[in-house]
């Protein structure tokens, strides 16, 4: 058994180093930006934190009662020889939230400012139906 452990250790070392230097493997799927949802008397407000975006690259859609915000954030850094710390997310992102009330789709507004996307979804008001007397 010690021989197998030593061989496994050697294989892991060979996979994680190149020329004696460590290699960092970063596997990322679609990342999910921090998202807050608030409700006021008149609207549902969705805030998505996605700094460093060009507003034209954001895709905001409402399907049924699900609001989806997606896009792609590019890593503007270039020409580096090594990565010493990588905490910011890059690449494709998506967040989907369930909207807890019916909204007036034609009045939805989205504003991107200071790295925060705010989507305002005005709530639909019930239509009052007048009951008339029969003759």
N, C-alpha and C. Protein backbone atom coordinates (compact mmCIF):
# COMPACT_ATOMS: atom_id res chain seq x y z
N UNK A 1 0.81 -1.21 0.00
CA UNK A 1 0.00 0.00 0.00
C UNK A 1 0.85 1.27 0.00
N UNK A 2 1.97 1.33 0.74
CA UNK A 2 2.78 2.55 0.71
C UNK A 2 3.27 2.87 -0.70
N UNK A 3 3.52 1.86 -1.53
CA UNK A 3 3.97 2.09 -2.90
C UNK A 3 2.89 2.79 -3.73
N UNK A 4 1.63 2.40 -3.54
CA UNK A 4 0.52 3.02 -4.27
C UNK A 4 0.33 4.46 -3.81
N UNK A 5 0.46 4.72 -2.53
CA UNK A 5 0.33 6.07 -2.00
C UNK A 5 1.42 6.97 -2.57
N UNK A 6 2.65 6.45 -2.63
CA UNK A 6 3.76 7.21 -3.17
C UNK A 6 3.53 7.50 -4.66
N UNK A 7 3.05 6.51 -5.41
CA UNK A 7 2.77 6.69 -6.83
C UNK A 7 1.65 7.71 -7.04
N UNK A 8 0.59 7.65 -6.22
CA UNK A 8 -0.51 8.61 -6.32
C UNK A 8 -0.01 10.02 -6.04
N UNK A 9 0.82 10.16 -5.02
CA UNK A 9 1.39 11.46 -4.68
C UNK A 9 2.22 12.00 -5.84
N UNK A 10 3.01 11.14 -6.47
CA UNK A 10 3.83 11.56 -7.61
C UNK A 10 2.95 12.01 -8.78
N UNK A 11 1.85 11.29 -9.04
CA UNK A 11 0.96 11.66 -10.13
C UNK A 11 0.29 13.01 -9.87
N UNK A 12 -0.16 13.23 -8.64
CA UNK A 12 -0.78 14.52 -8.29
C UNK A 12 0.24 15.64 -8.45
N UNK A 13 1.46 15.41 -8.00
CA UNK A 13 2.51 16.42 -8.13
C UNK A 13 2.76 16.74 -9.60
N UNK A 14 2.81 15.73 -10.46
CA UNK A 14 3.04 15.95 -11.88
C UNK A 14 1.89 16.71 -12.55
N UNK A 15 0.66 16.48 -12.08
CA UNK A 15 -0.49 17.17 -12.65
C UNK A 15 -0.62 18.61 -12.21
N UNK A 16 -0.07 18.94 -11.04
CA UNK A 16 -0.25 20.27 -10.47
C UNK A 16 0.99 21.13 -10.53
N UNK A 17 2.04 20.65 -11.17
CA UNK A 17 3.24 21.47 -11.31
C UNK A 17 3.76 21.39 -12.74
N UNK A 18 4.39 22.46 -13.16
CA UNK A 18 5.04 22.50 -14.46
C UNK A 18 6.43 23.07 -14.23
N UNK A 19 7.44 22.30 -14.52
CA UNK A 19 8.81 22.76 -14.32
C UNK A 19 9.10 23.10 -12.87
N UNK A 20 8.45 22.41 -11.94
CA UNK A 20 8.67 22.65 -10.52
C UNK A 20 7.82 23.77 -9.93
N UNK A 21 7.10 24.51 -10.78
CA UNK A 21 6.25 25.60 -10.30
C UNK A 21 4.80 25.12 -10.23
N UNK A 22 4.05 25.57 -9.21
CA UNK A 22 2.65 25.13 -9.09
C UNK A 22 1.79 25.69 -10.21
N UNK A 23 0.82 24.91 -10.60
CA UNK A 23 -0.14 25.31 -11.62
C UNK A 23 -1.50 25.41 -10.95
N UNK A 24 -2.21 26.49 -11.21
CA UNK A 24 -3.52 26.70 -10.63
C UNK A 24 -4.58 26.34 -11.66
N UNK A 25 -5.45 25.40 -11.31
CA UNK A 25 -6.55 25.04 -12.18
C UNK A 25 -7.80 25.73 -11.66
N UNK A 26 -8.42 26.54 -12.49
CA UNK A 26 -9.65 27.22 -12.10
C UNK A 26 -10.74 26.77 -13.05
N UNK A 27 -11.68 26.02 -12.51
CA UNK A 27 -12.82 25.57 -13.30
C UNK A 27 -14.01 26.38 -12.86
N UNK A 28 -14.56 27.16 -13.78
CA UNK A 28 -15.69 28.00 -13.43
C UNK A 28 -16.85 27.73 -14.36
N UNK A 29 -17.99 27.66 -13.78
CA UNK A 29 -19.20 27.57 -14.57
C UNK A 29 -19.78 28.97 -14.62
N UNK A 30 -21.02 29.08 -14.96
CA UNK A 30 -21.70 30.36 -14.93
C UNK A 30 -21.74 30.81 -13.48
N UNK A 31 -21.33 32.04 -13.22
CA UNK A 31 -21.35 32.54 -11.84
C UNK A 31 -22.61 33.36 -11.61
N UNK A 32 -22.96 33.50 -10.34
CA UNK A 32 -24.21 34.15 -9.96
C UNK A 32 -23.91 35.39 -9.12
N UNK A 33 -24.17 36.58 -9.68
CA UNK A 33 -23.87 37.79 -8.93
C UNK A 33 -24.83 37.98 -7.75
N UNK A 34 -24.38 38.70 -6.70
CA UNK A 34 -25.26 38.98 -5.56
C UNK A 34 -26.51 39.71 -6.04
N UNK A 35 -27.66 39.27 -5.57
CA UNK A 35 -28.94 39.80 -6.02
C UNK A 35 -29.86 40.01 -4.83
N UNK A 36 -30.48 41.18 -4.76
CA UNK A 36 -31.46 41.49 -3.71
C UNK A 36 -32.81 41.77 -4.36
N UNK A 37 -33.89 41.34 -3.69
CA UNK A 37 -35.25 41.59 -4.19
C UNK A 37 -36.05 42.22 -3.06
N UNK A 38 -36.66 43.38 -3.36
CA UNK A 38 -37.47 44.11 -2.39
C UNK A 38 -38.86 44.31 -2.97
N UNK A 39 -39.83 44.45 -2.08
CA UNK A 39 -41.19 44.75 -2.53
C UNK A 39 -41.68 45.99 -1.82
N UNK A 40 -42.21 46.93 -2.59
CA UNK A 40 -42.85 48.12 -2.03
C UNK A 40 -44.34 48.00 -2.32
N UNK A 41 -45.08 49.00 -1.94
CA UNK A 41 -46.53 48.97 -2.19
C UNK A 41 -46.82 48.94 -3.69
N UNK A 42 -45.95 49.62 -4.48
CA UNK A 42 -46.21 49.77 -5.90
C UNK A 42 -45.38 48.90 -6.84
N UNK A 43 -44.26 48.34 -6.34
CA UNK A 43 -43.36 47.67 -7.28
C UNK A 43 -42.52 46.60 -6.59
N UNK A 44 -41.92 45.76 -7.44
CA UNK A 44 -40.88 44.82 -7.03
C UNK A 44 -39.57 45.42 -7.54
N UNK A 45 -38.56 45.50 -6.68
CA UNK A 45 -37.27 46.06 -7.05
C UNK A 45 -36.21 44.96 -6.96
N UNK A 46 -35.47 44.77 -8.05
CA UNK A 46 -34.42 43.76 -8.09
C UNK A 46 -33.09 44.48 -8.32
N UNK A 47 -32.14 44.27 -7.41
CA UNK A 47 -30.81 44.87 -7.50
C UNK A 47 -29.79 43.76 -7.74
N UNK A 48 -28.96 43.94 -8.77
CA UNK A 48 -27.94 42.94 -9.11
C UNK A 48 -26.58 43.65 -9.12
N UNK A 49 -25.64 43.13 -8.33
CA UNK A 49 -24.31 43.73 -8.23
C UNK A 49 -23.39 43.12 -9.29
N UNK A 50 -23.11 43.90 -10.35
CA UNK A 50 -22.27 43.43 -11.45
C UNK A 50 -21.40 44.57 -11.95
N UNK A 51 -20.42 44.93 -11.17
CA UNK A 51 -19.52 46.03 -11.52
C UNK A 51 -18.70 45.69 -12.75
N UNK A 52 -18.30 46.74 -13.45
CA UNK A 52 -17.39 46.58 -14.57
C UNK A 52 -18.05 46.13 -15.86
N UNK A 53 -19.34 46.34 -15.98
CA UNK A 53 -20.05 45.91 -17.17
C UNK A 53 -20.35 47.09 -18.08
N UNK A 54 -20.50 46.80 -19.36
CA UNK A 54 -21.02 47.76 -20.32
C UNK A 54 -22.52 47.46 -20.37
N UNK A 55 -23.34 48.45 -20.14
CA UNK A 55 -24.79 48.20 -20.02
C UNK A 55 -25.37 47.55 -21.28
N UNK A 56 -24.72 47.77 -22.43
CA UNK A 56 -25.22 47.17 -23.67
C UNK A 56 -25.01 45.66 -23.72
N UNK A 57 -24.18 45.11 -22.84
CA UNK A 57 -23.93 43.67 -22.85
C UNK A 57 -24.83 42.92 -21.85
N UNK A 58 -25.65 43.65 -21.12
CA UNK A 58 -26.57 43.01 -20.16
C UNK A 58 -27.82 42.54 -20.88
N UNK A 59 -28.30 41.37 -20.52
CA UNK A 59 -29.53 40.83 -21.08
C UNK A 59 -30.51 40.63 -19.93
N UNK A 60 -31.60 41.38 -19.96
CA UNK A 60 -32.62 41.32 -18.91
C UNK A 60 -33.92 40.86 -19.56
N UNK A 61 -34.53 39.79 -19.00
CA UNK A 61 -35.77 39.30 -19.60
C UNK A 61 -36.73 38.81 -18.51
N UNK A 62 -38.00 38.91 -18.81
CA UNK A 62 -39.06 38.42 -17.92
C UNK A 62 -39.85 37.38 -18.69
N UNK A 63 -39.88 36.16 -18.15
CA UNK A 63 -40.66 35.08 -18.74
C UNK A 63 -41.58 34.55 -17.65
N UNK A 64 -42.87 34.76 -17.85
CA UNK A 64 -43.82 34.39 -16.79
C UNK A 64 -43.54 35.23 -15.56
N UNK A 65 -43.24 34.58 -14.45
CA UNK A 65 -42.92 35.32 -13.22
C UNK A 65 -41.43 35.21 -12.86
N UNK A 66 -40.58 34.90 -13.84
CA UNK A 66 -39.15 34.80 -13.58
C UNK A 66 -38.37 35.86 -14.34
N UNK A 67 -37.63 36.66 -13.57
CA UNK A 67 -36.77 37.68 -14.14
C UNK A 67 -35.36 37.10 -14.21
N UNK A 68 -34.75 37.18 -15.40
CA UNK A 68 -33.40 36.67 -15.59
C UNK A 68 -32.50 37.80 -16.06
N UNK A 69 -31.34 37.90 -15.41
CA UNK A 69 -30.31 38.85 -15.82
C UNK A 69 -29.08 38.02 -16.14
N UNK A 70 -28.54 38.20 -17.35
CA UNK A 70 -27.34 37.46 -17.71
C UNK A 70 -26.44 38.32 -18.57
N UNK A 71 -25.22 37.85 -18.72
CA UNK A 71 -24.24 38.58 -19.52
C UNK A 71 -22.88 37.92 -19.41
N UNK A 72 -21.87 38.67 -19.79
CA UNK A 72 -20.49 38.16 -19.77
C UNK A 72 -19.59 39.30 -19.32
N UNK A 73 -18.82 39.06 -18.27
CA UNK A 73 -17.86 40.08 -17.80
C UNK A 73 -16.47 39.65 -18.22
N UNK A 74 -15.82 40.53 -19.00
CA UNK A 74 -14.47 40.29 -19.48
C UNK A 74 -13.46 40.67 -18.42
N UNK A 75 -12.37 39.93 -18.39
CA UNK A 75 -11.24 40.29 -17.53
C UNK A 75 -10.38 41.26 -18.32
N UNK A 76 -10.38 42.53 -17.89
CA UNK A 76 -9.66 43.57 -18.62
C UNK A 76 -8.15 43.50 -18.41
N UNK A 77 -7.73 42.77 -17.37
CA UNK A 77 -6.29 42.64 -17.12
C UNK A 77 -5.68 41.78 -18.22
N UNK A 78 -4.52 42.15 -18.65
CA UNK A 78 -3.87 41.37 -19.70
C UNK A 78 -2.37 41.52 -19.60
N UNK A 79 -1.65 40.65 -20.25
CA UNK A 79 -0.21 40.72 -20.27
C UNK A 79 0.46 40.30 -18.98
N UNK A 80 -0.23 39.55 -18.14
CA UNK A 80 0.36 39.12 -16.88
C UNK A 80 1.13 37.82 -17.06
N UNK A 81 2.11 37.62 -16.19
CA UNK A 81 2.92 36.40 -16.22
C UNK A 81 2.39 35.34 -15.26
N UNK A 82 1.70 35.79 -14.21
CA UNK A 82 1.17 34.85 -13.22
C UNK A 82 -0.04 35.48 -12.55
N UNK A 83 -0.89 34.64 -12.00
CA UNK A 83 -2.03 35.09 -11.20
C UNK A 83 -1.71 34.73 -9.76
N UNK A 84 -1.67 35.74 -8.89
CA UNK A 84 -1.36 35.49 -7.49
C UNK A 84 -2.61 35.46 -6.63
N UNK A 85 -3.66 36.10 -7.10
CA UNK A 85 -4.92 36.08 -6.37
C UNK A 85 -6.04 36.33 -7.37
N UNK A 86 -7.08 35.52 -7.33
CA UNK A 86 -8.18 35.64 -8.28
C UNK A 86 -9.48 35.44 -7.52
N UNK A 87 -10.11 36.55 -7.12
CA UNK A 87 -11.36 36.48 -6.36
C UNK A 87 -12.54 37.00 -7.15
N UNK A 88 -12.28 37.88 -8.11
CA UNK A 88 -13.37 38.45 -8.90
C UNK A 88 -13.82 37.42 -9.93
N UNK A 89 -15.09 37.43 -10.23
CA UNK A 89 -15.65 36.49 -11.19
C UNK A 89 -15.65 37.11 -12.58
N UNK A 90 -15.27 36.31 -13.55
CA UNK A 90 -15.29 36.72 -14.95
C UNK A 90 -15.98 35.64 -15.75
N UNK A 91 -16.37 36.01 -16.95
CA UNK A 91 -17.03 35.06 -17.82
C UNK A 91 -18.54 35.23 -17.76
N UNK A 92 -19.24 34.18 -18.14
CA UNK A 92 -20.71 34.23 -18.18
C UNK A 92 -21.30 34.24 -16.78
N UNK A 93 -22.33 35.06 -16.61
CA UNK A 93 -23.05 35.09 -15.34
C UNK A 93 -24.54 35.07 -15.61
N UNK A 94 -25.28 34.66 -14.58
CA UNK A 94 -26.75 34.64 -14.68
C UNK A 94 -27.34 34.62 -13.29
N UNK A 95 -28.42 35.35 -13.13
CA UNK A 95 -29.22 35.27 -11.91
C UNK A 95 -30.68 35.28 -12.32
N UNK A 96 -31.46 34.43 -11.68
CA UNK A 96 -32.89 34.35 -11.96
C UNK A 96 -33.64 34.46 -10.64
N UNK A 97 -34.64 35.33 -10.61
CA UNK A 97 -35.45 35.49 -9.41
C UNK A 97 -36.91 35.32 -9.77
N UNK A 98 -37.65 34.76 -8.84
CA UNK A 98 -39.09 34.62 -9.00
C UNK A 98 -39.76 35.89 -8.50
N UNK A 99 -40.57 36.49 -9.34
CA UNK A 99 -41.26 37.73 -8.99
C UNK A 99 -42.55 37.34 -8.27
N UNK A 100 -42.73 37.83 -7.02
CA UNK A 100 -43.85 37.38 -6.19
C UNK A 100 -45.19 38.06 -6.46
N UNK A 101 -45.30 38.85 -7.51
CA UNK A 101 -46.57 39.52 -7.81
C UNK A 101 -46.68 39.71 -9.32
N UNK A 102 -47.89 39.90 -9.79
CA UNK A 102 -48.08 40.20 -11.21
C UNK A 102 -47.60 41.63 -11.46
N UNK A 103 -46.95 41.82 -12.61
CA UNK A 103 -46.39 43.13 -12.92
C UNK A 103 -46.91 43.65 -14.26
N UNK A 104 -46.80 44.96 -14.45
CA UNK A 104 -47.17 45.60 -15.71
C UNK A 104 -45.91 45.56 -16.58
N UNK A 105 -45.86 44.60 -17.48
CA UNK A 105 -44.65 44.36 -18.27
C UNK A 105 -44.23 45.56 -19.10
N UNK A 106 -45.19 46.31 -19.61
CA UNK A 106 -44.86 47.45 -20.48
C UNK A 106 -44.21 48.61 -19.71
N UNK A 107 -44.28 48.59 -18.37
CA UNK A 107 -43.72 49.68 -17.57
C UNK A 107 -42.45 49.29 -16.81
N UNK A 108 -41.87 48.14 -17.11
CA UNK A 108 -40.65 47.71 -16.43
C UNK A 108 -39.50 48.64 -16.83
N UNK A 109 -38.70 49.03 -15.84
CA UNK A 109 -37.54 49.90 -16.08
C UNK A 109 -36.29 49.23 -15.54
N UNK A 110 -35.18 49.40 -16.26
CA UNK A 110 -33.89 48.87 -15.80
C UNK A 110 -32.84 49.97 -15.94
N UNK A 111 -32.11 50.22 -14.83
CA UNK A 111 -31.08 51.25 -14.82
C UNK A 111 -29.79 50.64 -14.26
N UNK A 112 -28.68 50.85 -14.97
CA UNK A 112 -27.37 50.36 -14.51
C UNK A 112 -26.52 51.56 -14.16
N UNK A 113 -26.13 51.62 -12.87
CA UNK A 113 -25.36 52.76 -12.39
C UNK A 113 -24.45 52.33 -11.26
N UNK A 114 -23.20 52.76 -11.32
CA UNK A 114 -22.21 52.47 -10.28
C UNK A 114 -22.08 50.97 -9.96
N UNK A 115 -22.17 50.14 -10.99
CA UNK A 115 -21.98 48.71 -10.81
C UNK A 115 -23.20 47.95 -10.31
N UNK A 116 -24.32 48.64 -10.17
CA UNK A 116 -25.56 48.01 -9.69
C UNK A 116 -26.63 48.16 -10.77
N UNK A 117 -27.23 47.03 -11.13
CA UNK A 117 -28.38 47.05 -12.02
C UNK A 117 -29.63 47.05 -11.16
N UNK A 118 -30.51 48.02 -11.39
CA UNK A 118 -31.79 48.06 -10.67
C UNK A 118 -32.90 47.86 -11.68
N UNK A 119 -33.71 46.83 -11.46
CA UNK A 119 -34.86 46.57 -12.32
C UNK A 119 -36.10 46.84 -11.48
N UNK A 120 -36.93 47.78 -11.96
CA UNK A 120 -38.17 48.14 -11.26
C UNK A 120 -39.34 47.56 -12.04
N UNK A 121 -40.09 46.68 -11.35
CA UNK A 121 -41.23 46.02 -11.97
C UNK A 121 -42.51 46.50 -11.27
N UNK A 122 -43.24 47.45 -11.90
CA UNK A 122 -44.46 47.96 -11.28
C UNK A 122 -45.50 46.85 -11.11
N UNK A 123 -46.10 46.81 -9.94
CA UNK A 123 -47.11 45.77 -9.68
C UNK A 123 -48.42 46.10 -10.39
N UNK A 124 -49.04 45.05 -10.88
CA UNK A 124 -50.34 45.19 -11.52
C UNK A 124 -51.39 45.40 -10.44
N UNK A 125 -52.26 46.34 -10.68
CA UNK A 125 -53.35 46.62 -9.75
C UNK A 125 -54.59 45.87 -10.17
N UNK A 126 -55.36 45.38 -9.21
CA UNK A 126 -56.60 44.68 -9.58
C UNK A 126 -57.58 45.64 -10.28
N UNK A 127 -58.28 45.13 -11.25
CA UNK A 127 -59.28 45.94 -11.95
C UNK A 127 -60.61 45.79 -11.24
N UNK A 128 -61.18 46.91 -10.87
CA UNK A 128 -62.47 46.90 -10.18
C UNK A 128 -63.58 46.68 -11.20
N UNK A 129 -64.43 45.73 -10.92
CA UNK A 129 -65.54 45.41 -11.81
C UNK A 129 -66.82 45.91 -11.15
N UNK A 130 -67.53 46.73 -11.87
CA UNK A 130 -68.78 47.28 -11.33
C UNK A 130 -69.91 46.31 -11.63
N UNK A 131 -70.64 45.98 -10.59
CA UNK A 131 -71.78 45.08 -10.74
C UNK A 131 -73.02 45.94 -10.92
N UNK A 132 -73.71 45.68 -12.01
CA UNK A 132 -74.92 46.45 -12.30
C UNK A 132 -76.15 45.63 -11.96
N UNK A 133 -77.24 46.31 -11.67
CA UNK A 133 -78.50 45.65 -11.38
C UNK A 133 -79.14 45.20 -12.69
N UNK A 134 -79.82 44.06 -12.65
CA UNK A 134 -80.52 43.60 -13.84
C UNK A 134 -81.92 44.22 -13.88
N UNK A 135 -82.50 44.37 -15.07
CA UNK A 135 -83.84 44.97 -15.21
C UNK A 135 -84.92 44.00 -14.88
